[in-house]
Amino acid sequence: MALWPHTSNTGGSRLVLESVGIGLVISLLFSELFGLVAGGLVVPGYMALYIDRPLAVLSTLAASLATLGLIRFLAYFMFIFGRRRMVLTIIFGFLLGSALRTAGDLRLAGFALDLAPVGYIIPGLLANWMDRQGVMPTLATLVIASVLVRLILILISGGSFFGLEGNLG
């Protein structure tokens, strides 16, 4: 049972559309009920698609934590507040994520390791919320919300979700 057509008019897959939509609802509920944000409204939906790719999740978290460290370091020397802080966080997250993405495939003991993080702005969004509400509350909320989104995707697809993962957009 699909909620939407197989592809959207922008070329994205139905799976991404459903995942982001469900993630938006879950993020809003978490924000309203618990006062916690899972790294931004769209982040749980995208992370739910990559739960089965731990290296992508870890590289996203690494880029986010590095971005957070960079922003906090720069804050000792510059006035970085409000919109400027958020924009710089997203830009640095984008740049660090791009650096990981362009590092390409690494080989370790004969295994190819793809260090590409999830999305392009996801590391920056995560770092922004880690900065605002703390690292542990953000990560805990992200894990719970992403797992809930993944579970709902599996339930609404009747378990066929696993066959769709090859085409994420």
Protein backbone atom coordinates (compact mmCIF):
# COMPACT_ATOMS: atom_id res chain seq x y z
CA MET A 1 0.00 0.00 0.00
CA ALA A 2 1.78 3.14 -1.16
CA LEU A 3 0.81 6.57 0.04
CA TRP A 4 2.09 8.29 -3.12
CA PRO A 5 2.92 7.40 -6.73
CA HIS A 6 6.19 5.54 -7.32
CA THR A 7 8.06 8.73 -8.19
CA SER A 8 7.38 12.38 -7.60
CA ASN A 9 7.28 15.00 -10.35
CA THR A 10 10.76 16.11 -9.25
CA GLY A 11 12.21 12.65 -9.86
CA GLY A 12 12.50 11.59 -6.20
CA SER A 13 11.41 8.15 -5.15
CA ARG A 14 8.20 7.38 -3.28
CA LEU A 15 10.27 5.96 -0.45
CA VAL A 16 12.07 9.26 0.16
CA LEU A 17 8.80 11.18 -0.01
CA GLU A 18 7.14 8.88 2.52
CA SER A 19 10.16 8.82 4.79
CA VAL A 20 10.54 12.60 4.91
CA GLY A 21 6.79 13.08 5.38
CA ILE A 22 6.63 10.61 8.25
CA GLY A 23 9.81 12.12 9.69
CA LEU A 24 8.22 15.58 9.65
CA VAL A 25 5.22 14.33 11.62
CA ILE A 26 7.37 12.44 14.14
CA SER A 27 9.72 15.42 14.53
CA LEU A 28 6.81 17.74 15.14
CA LEU A 29 5.33 15.36 17.73
CA PHE A 30 8.67 15.03 19.55
CA SER A 31 9.10 18.79 19.54
CA GLU A 32 5.61 19.46 20.88
CA LEU A 33 5.40 16.57 23.35
CA PHE A 34 8.96 16.45 24.70
CA GLY A 35 10.48 19.79 23.69
CA LEU A 36 13.31 17.98 21.89
CA VAL A 37 14.31 18.22 18.25
CA ALA A 38 15.90 15.30 16.41
CA GLY A 39 18.42 17.44 14.57
CA GLY A 40 15.89 19.26 12.40
CA LEU A 41 12.51 18.40 10.95
CA VAL A 42 13.73 16.42 7.93
CA VAL A 43 16.70 14.67 9.56
CA PRO A 44 14.89 11.62 11.05
CA GLY A 45 13.29 10.84 7.69
CA TYR A 46 16.62 10.81 5.89
CA MET A 47 18.46 8.98 8.66
CA ALA A 48 15.73 6.30 8.69
CA LEU A 49 16.63 5.47 5.10
CA TYR A 50 20.26 4.87 6.06
CA ILE A 51 19.90 2.91 9.31
CA ASP A 52 21.14 -0.18 7.50
CA ARG A 53 24.27 1.71 6.39
CA PRO A 54 26.16 2.33 9.63
CA LEU A 55 29.20 3.88 7.95
CA ALA A 56 27.03 6.57 6.33
CA VAL A 57 25.39 7.26 9.71
CA LEU A 58 28.76 7.38 11.49
CA SER A 59 30.30 9.68 8.89
CA THR A 60 27.27 11.97 9.20
CA LEU A 61 27.68 12.08 12.98
CA ALA A 62 31.43 12.64 12.62
CA ALA A 63 30.87 15.55 10.23
CA SER A 64 28.26 16.96 12.62
CA LEU A 65 30.51 16.70 15.67
CA ALA A 66 33.45 18.20 13.77
CA THR A 67 31.20 21.05 12.64
CA LEU A 68 30.04 21.60 16.21
CA GLY A 69 33.64 21.71 17.42
CA LEU A 70 34.62 24.14 14.68
CA ILE A 71 31.71 26.48 15.42
CA ARG A 72 32.42 26.45 19.15
CA PHE A 73 36.12 27.09 18.50
CA LEU A 74 35.37 30.01 16.18
CA ALA A 75 32.94 31.44 18.75
CA TYR A 76 35.94 32.19 21.00
CA PHE A 77 37.28 34.61 18.38
CA MET A 78 34.15 35.84 16.59
CA PHE A 79 30.65 36.96 17.40
CA ILE A 80 28.57 34.12 16.03
CA PHE A 81 24.94 34.31 17.13
CA GLY A 82 21.47 33.76 15.74
CA ARG A 83 21.02 33.39 12.02
CA ARG A 84 24.74 33.84 11.31
CA ARG A 85 25.59 30.92 13.62
CA MET A 86 22.98 28.69 12.01
CA VAL A 87 24.07 29.52 8.46
CA LEU A 88 27.76 29.03 9.29
CA THR A 89 26.96 25.71 10.95
CA ILE A 90 25.10 24.49 7.88
CA ILE A 91 27.87 25.73 5.55
CA PHE A 92 30.62 24.06 7.60
CA GLY A 93 28.56 20.87 7.84
CA PHE A 94 28.13 20.95 4.07
CA LEU A 95 31.88 21.49 3.52
CA LEU A 96 32.96 18.76 5.96
CA GLY A 97 30.38 16.37 4.52
CA SER A 98 31.61 17.18 1.02
CA ALA A 99 35.19 16.54 2.11
CA LEU A 100 34.17 13.10 3.38
CA ARG A 101 32.19 12.47 0.19
CA THR A 102 35.11 13.43 -2.07
CA ALA A 103 37.52 11.34 0.00
CA GLY A 104 35.85 8.58 -1.97
CA ASP A 105 36.07 4.93 -1.22
CA LEU A 106 38.74 3.92 1.21
CA ARG A 107 40.09 0.41 1.23
CA LEU A 108 40.71 -1.30 4.53
CA ALA A 109 41.85 -4.91 4.54
CA GLY A 110 40.42 -5.37 1.06
CA PHE A 111 37.01 -3.88 1.91
CA ALA A 112 35.74 -0.69 0.28
CA LEU A 113 34.55 1.87 2.80
CA ASP A 114 32.30 4.63 1.45
CA LEU A 115 32.55 7.64 3.77
CA ALA A 116 29.74 9.64 2.16
CA PRO A 117 27.48 11.10 4.85
CA VAL A 118 23.69 11.21 4.65
CA GLY A 119 22.56 14.17 2.55
CA TYR A 120 24.28 17.48 2.07
CA ILE A 121 22.83 19.68 4.80
CA ILE A 122 22.04 16.94 7.34
CA PRO A 123 25.44 17.23 9.13
CA GLY A 124 24.96 20.99 9.51
CA LEU A 125 21.38 20.66 10.73
CA LEU A 126 22.46 18.07 13.29
CA ALA A 127 25.35 20.22 14.46
CA ASN A 128 23.05 23.22 14.80
CA TRP A 129 20.70 21.34 17.11
CA MET A 130 23.56 19.72 19.02
CA ASP A 131 24.77 23.25 19.69
CA ARG A 132 21.33 24.47 20.75
CA GLN A 133 20.04 21.62 22.92
CA GLY A 134 23.12 19.50 23.60
CA VAL A 135 24.77 16.53 21.93
CA MET A 136 23.18 13.71 23.95
CA PRO A 137 19.56 14.96 23.85
CA THR A 138 19.84 15.52 20.10
CA LEU A 139 21.39 12.11 19.41
CA ALA A 140 18.95 10.27 21.68
CA THR A 141 15.98 11.97 20.04
CA LEU A 142 17.42 11.32 16.59
CA VAL A 143 17.89 7.60 17.22
CA ILE A 144 14.38 7.14 18.60
CA ALA A 145 12.70 9.23 15.88
CA SER A 146 14.66 7.57 13.05
CA VAL A 147 13.85 4.08 14.28
CA LEU A 148 10.16 5.03 14.56
CA VAL A 149 10.16 6.37 11.00
CA ARG A 150 11.85 3.20 9.76
CA LEU A 151 9.35 1.01 11.61
CA ILE A 152 6.40 2.93 10.16
CA LEU A 153 7.90 2.64 6.66
CA ILE A 154 8.22 -1.10 7.10
CA LEU A 155 4.64 -1.38 8.37
CA ILE A 156 3.03 0.69 5.61
CA SER A 157 5.00 -1.11 2.89
CA GLY A 158 4.02 -4.51 4.21
CA GLY A 159 7.67 -5.41 4.70
CA SER A 160 8.59 -4.71 1.07
CA PHE A 161 10.55 -1.64 2.19
CA PHE A 162 13.79 -3.62 2.10
CA GLY A 163 13.57 -4.19 -1.64
CA LEU A 164 13.22 -0.47 -2.41
CA GLU A 165 16.40 0.77 -0.76
CA GLY A 166 18.55 0.62 -3.86
CA ASN A 167 16.81 3.66 -5.38
CA LEU A 168 16.80 6.52 -2.86
CA GLY A 169 16.16 9.28 -5.26
